[in-house]
Protein backbone atom coordinates (compact mmCIF):
# COMPACT_ATOMS: atom_id res chain seq x y z
CA MET A 1 125.57 -102.15 -55.61
CA THR A 2 126.87 -99.10 -57.47
CA THR A 3 127.29 -95.39 -56.92
CA THR A 4 125.53 -93.75 -59.86
CA TYR A 5 125.28 -90.14 -60.99
CA LEU A 6 121.93 -89.82 -62.74
CA MET A 7 121.09 -86.40 -64.08
CA THR A 8 118.83 -84.84 -66.65
CA SER A 9 120.66 -82.38 -68.85
CA THR A 10 119.93 -80.01 -71.68
CA LEU A 11 121.31 -81.02 -75.05
CA ASN A 12 124.16 -78.55 -74.55
CA GLY A 13 125.15 -79.88 -71.13
CA PHE A 14 123.39 -77.76 -68.49
CA VAL A 15 121.58 -79.28 -65.50
CA ALA A 16 120.05 -75.99 -64.34
CA GLY A 17 119.81 -72.41 -65.51
CA PRO A 18 122.22 -69.72 -64.25
CA ASP A 19 120.11 -69.14 -61.11
CA ASN A 20 119.47 -72.88 -60.51
CA GLU A 21 116.11 -72.66 -62.25
CA LEU A 22 114.61 -75.91 -63.49
CA ASP A 23 111.55 -74.61 -65.35
CA TRP A 24 112.93 -76.07 -68.60
CA LEU A 25 112.83 -79.51 -66.96
CA TYR A 26 109.35 -79.09 -65.46
CA ASP A 27 108.07 -78.08 -68.91
CA LEU A 28 108.71 -81.66 -70.10
CA PRO A 29 105.87 -84.17 -69.71
CA ALA A 30 106.02 -85.83 -66.28
CA ALA A 31 106.35 -89.28 -67.89
CA ASP A 32 109.53 -88.16 -69.69
CA ARG A 33 111.22 -87.30 -66.37
CA ASP A 34 109.85 -90.14 -64.23
CA PHE A 35 112.68 -91.76 -62.26
CA SER A 36 110.50 -93.95 -60.03
CA GLN A 37 111.81 -97.22 -61.49
CA PHE A 38 115.41 -96.11 -60.94
CA LEU A 39 114.63 -94.83 -57.42
CA SER A 40 113.16 -98.19 -56.41
CA GLY A 41 116.72 -99.57 -56.51
CA VAL A 42 118.24 -96.68 -54.52
CA GLY A 43 119.05 -97.09 -50.83
CA ALA A 44 120.94 -93.82 -50.24
CA LEU A 45 120.99 -90.52 -52.05
CA ALA A 46 123.45 -87.62 -52.25
CA MET A 47 122.79 -84.10 -53.44
CA GLY A 48 124.60 -80.81 -53.34
CA ALA A 49 123.38 -77.69 -51.58
CA SER A 50 122.06 -76.00 -54.74
CA THR A 51 120.10 -79.09 -55.77
CA TYR A 52 118.69 -79.40 -52.26
CA GLU A 53 117.69 -75.73 -52.23
CA ALA A 54 116.01 -76.08 -55.63
CA VAL A 55 114.06 -79.13 -54.41
CA LEU A 56 113.07 -77.27 -51.22
CA ARG A 57 111.90 -74.30 -53.26
CA ASP A 58 110.20 -76.05 -56.18
CA SER A 59 108.36 -78.64 -54.05
CA GLU A 60 107.67 -76.22 -51.17
CA LEU A 61 109.03 -78.84 -48.77
CA LEU A 62 109.34 -76.65 -45.72
CA THR A 63 105.59 -75.95 -45.91
CA HIS A 64 104.70 -79.44 -47.15
CA PRO A 65 107.24 -81.87 -45.63
CA GLU A 66 104.94 -84.79 -46.46
CA ARG A 67 106.03 -84.39 -50.10
CA TRP A 68 109.57 -85.42 -49.10
CA ARG A 69 108.24 -88.61 -47.52
CA GLN A 70 106.18 -89.34 -50.63
CA ALA A 71 109.31 -89.07 -52.77
CA HIS A 72 111.89 -90.64 -50.45
CA GLY A 73 110.16 -92.53 -47.65
CA ASP A 74 112.82 -93.40 -45.08
CA ARG A 75 115.68 -93.37 -47.63
CA ALA A 76 118.85 -91.84 -46.18
CA VAL A 77 119.81 -88.61 -47.93
CA TRP A 78 123.13 -86.79 -47.63
CA VAL A 79 123.28 -83.11 -48.52
CA PHE A 80 126.84 -81.98 -49.19
CA THR A 81 127.27 -78.36 -48.22
CA HIS A 82 129.57 -75.85 -46.57
CA ARG A 83 126.74 -73.70 -45.30
CA GLU A 84 123.84 -74.13 -42.93
CA LEU A 85 120.61 -75.24 -44.61
CA PRO A 86 117.13 -75.89 -43.23
CA ALA A 87 116.16 -79.53 -42.74
CA VAL A 88 112.88 -80.94 -43.98
CA PRO A 89 110.95 -81.98 -40.86
CA GLY A 90 110.86 -85.77 -40.48
CA ALA A 91 113.33 -86.43 -43.33
CA ASN A 92 116.22 -88.88 -42.92
CA LEU A 93 118.79 -86.17 -43.76
CA ARG A 94 122.48 -85.80 -43.03
CA PHE A 95 124.45 -82.66 -43.84
CA ALA A 96 128.08 -83.33 -44.74
CA THR A 97 131.14 -81.83 -46.44
CA ASP A 98 133.50 -84.71 -47.34
CA VAL A 99 132.45 -87.26 -49.97
CA ALA A 100 135.29 -89.72 -49.26
CA ALA A 101 134.60 -89.69 -45.52
CA GLU A 102 130.83 -90.17 -45.95
CA HIS A 103 130.78 -92.73 -48.77
CA PRO A 104 131.24 -95.82 -46.53
CA ALA A 105 128.24 -94.72 -44.43
CA MET A 106 126.25 -94.17 -47.61
CA LEU A 107 127.07 -97.69 -48.81
CA ALA A 108 126.07 -99.10 -45.42
CA ALA A 109 122.77 -97.17 -45.49
CA ALA A 110 122.08 -98.35 -49.05
CA GLY A 111 122.43 -102.01 -48.06
CA GLU A 112 121.99 -104.14 -51.19
CA ARG A 113 120.68 -101.18 -53.18
CA ASP A 114 122.53 -98.37 -54.99
CA VAL A 115 123.83 -94.97 -53.96
CA PHE A 116 122.35 -92.24 -56.16
CA VAL A 117 124.25 -88.99 -56.73
CA ALA A 118 121.40 -86.68 -57.69
CA GLY A 119 123.39 -83.55 -58.36
CA GLY A 120 124.77 -81.31 -59.11
CA GLY A 121 127.65 -81.72 -61.45
CA ALA A 122 130.25 -80.44 -58.99
CA LEU A 123 129.14 -83.06 -56.46
CA ALA A 124 129.38 -85.83 -59.07
CA ALA A 125 132.88 -84.59 -59.92
CA ALA A 126 133.77 -84.80 -56.20
CA PHE A 127 132.57 -88.44 -56.14
CA GLN A 128 134.71 -89.09 -59.23
CA ALA A 129 137.73 -87.38 -57.67
CA ALA A 130 137.29 -89.53 -54.54
CA GLY A 131 137.33 -92.64 -56.75
CA VAL A 132 133.86 -93.82 -55.69
CA LEU A 133 131.73 -93.06 -58.78
CA ASP A 134 130.87 -96.26 -60.69
CA ARG A 135 128.28 -95.23 -63.24
CA VAL A 136 126.92 -92.15 -65.01
CA VAL A 137 123.42 -92.02 -66.50
CA ILE A 138 122.48 -88.85 -68.37
CA GLY A 139 118.99 -88.03 -69.60
CA ILE A 140 119.46 -85.71 -72.58
CA THR A 141 116.44 -83.43 -73.07
CA PRO A 142 115.39 -81.56 -76.23
CA VAL A 143 116.24 -78.23 -74.59
CA LEU A 144 119.04 -75.73 -75.23
CA LEU A 145 119.95 -73.05 -72.67
CA ALA A 146 122.25 -70.10 -73.31
CA ALA A 147 123.93 -70.54 -69.90
CA GLY A 148 123.66 -72.52 -66.70
CA LYS A 149 125.17 -75.05 -64.34
CA PRO A 150 127.36 -77.64 -66.14
CA LEU A 151 126.56 -81.33 -66.22
CA PHE A 152 130.01 -82.34 -64.99
CA PRO A 153 132.77 -79.79 -64.34
CA GLY A 154 135.43 -82.45 -63.89
CA SER A 155 137.01 -85.08 -66.07
CA ALA A 156 136.36 -88.80 -66.36
CA ARG A 157 136.81 -91.59 -68.85
CA LEU A 158 133.59 -93.47 -69.56
CA ARG A 159 132.41 -96.54 -71.49
CA LEU A 160 128.94 -96.47 -73.06
CA THR A 161 126.84 -99.37 -71.72
CA GLY A 162 123.31 -98.48 -72.77
CA VAL A 163 120.95 -96.19 -74.65
CA GLU A 164 117.25 -95.90 -73.84
CA ARG A 165 114.44 -93.56 -74.79
CA GLN A 166 111.74 -92.29 -72.45
CA GLY A 167 109.44 -90.00 -74.41
CA GLN A 168 111.57 -87.06 -75.57
CA VAL A 169 114.49 -87.91 -73.28
CA ALA A 170 117.42 -90.09 -74.39
CA PHE A 171 119.16 -91.85 -71.49
CA LEU A 172 122.82 -92.67 -72.01
CA SER A 173 124.43 -95.05 -69.50
CA TYR A 174 128.17 -95.23 -68.92
CA ASP A 175 130.54 -97.14 -66.67
CA VAL A 176 133.29 -95.00 -65.17
CA LEU A 177 136.71 -96.36 -66.15
């Protein structure tokens, strides 16, 4: 069981545009950004407030909460935030502020499966700072943005453990040292 930050990034290191827009990602073929195989091994998921808001907006989850269930089933999801956010009806959601305090509960919820840090970069850096990030997997897309949200605004030493291609996306896997 590992805690993994998996994120799709532009070639120049942005995970979203300046206003959290993801249109550049949705322009890629669906098969190139299919994480279903990875998600099958995930027992708990963490995301930051901006990522959660983008998912709410782009998937229209407050109007169509069944889409959350289709994507996550009963998987426990933690949203790390310092502000009040709407909950998707029927979702197994927990709103939290402290990564170190919540990580043991995330591991317990994951069982024998992994904890997935879905974004954003600041949240992944918080997991790294808490000493609980084990692995980083980055999907590099053939997109360049002039500005946006950074992939990882912290520092970490990594060891390359794998390279895979999925359509136009190159996935680089690293262990955190």
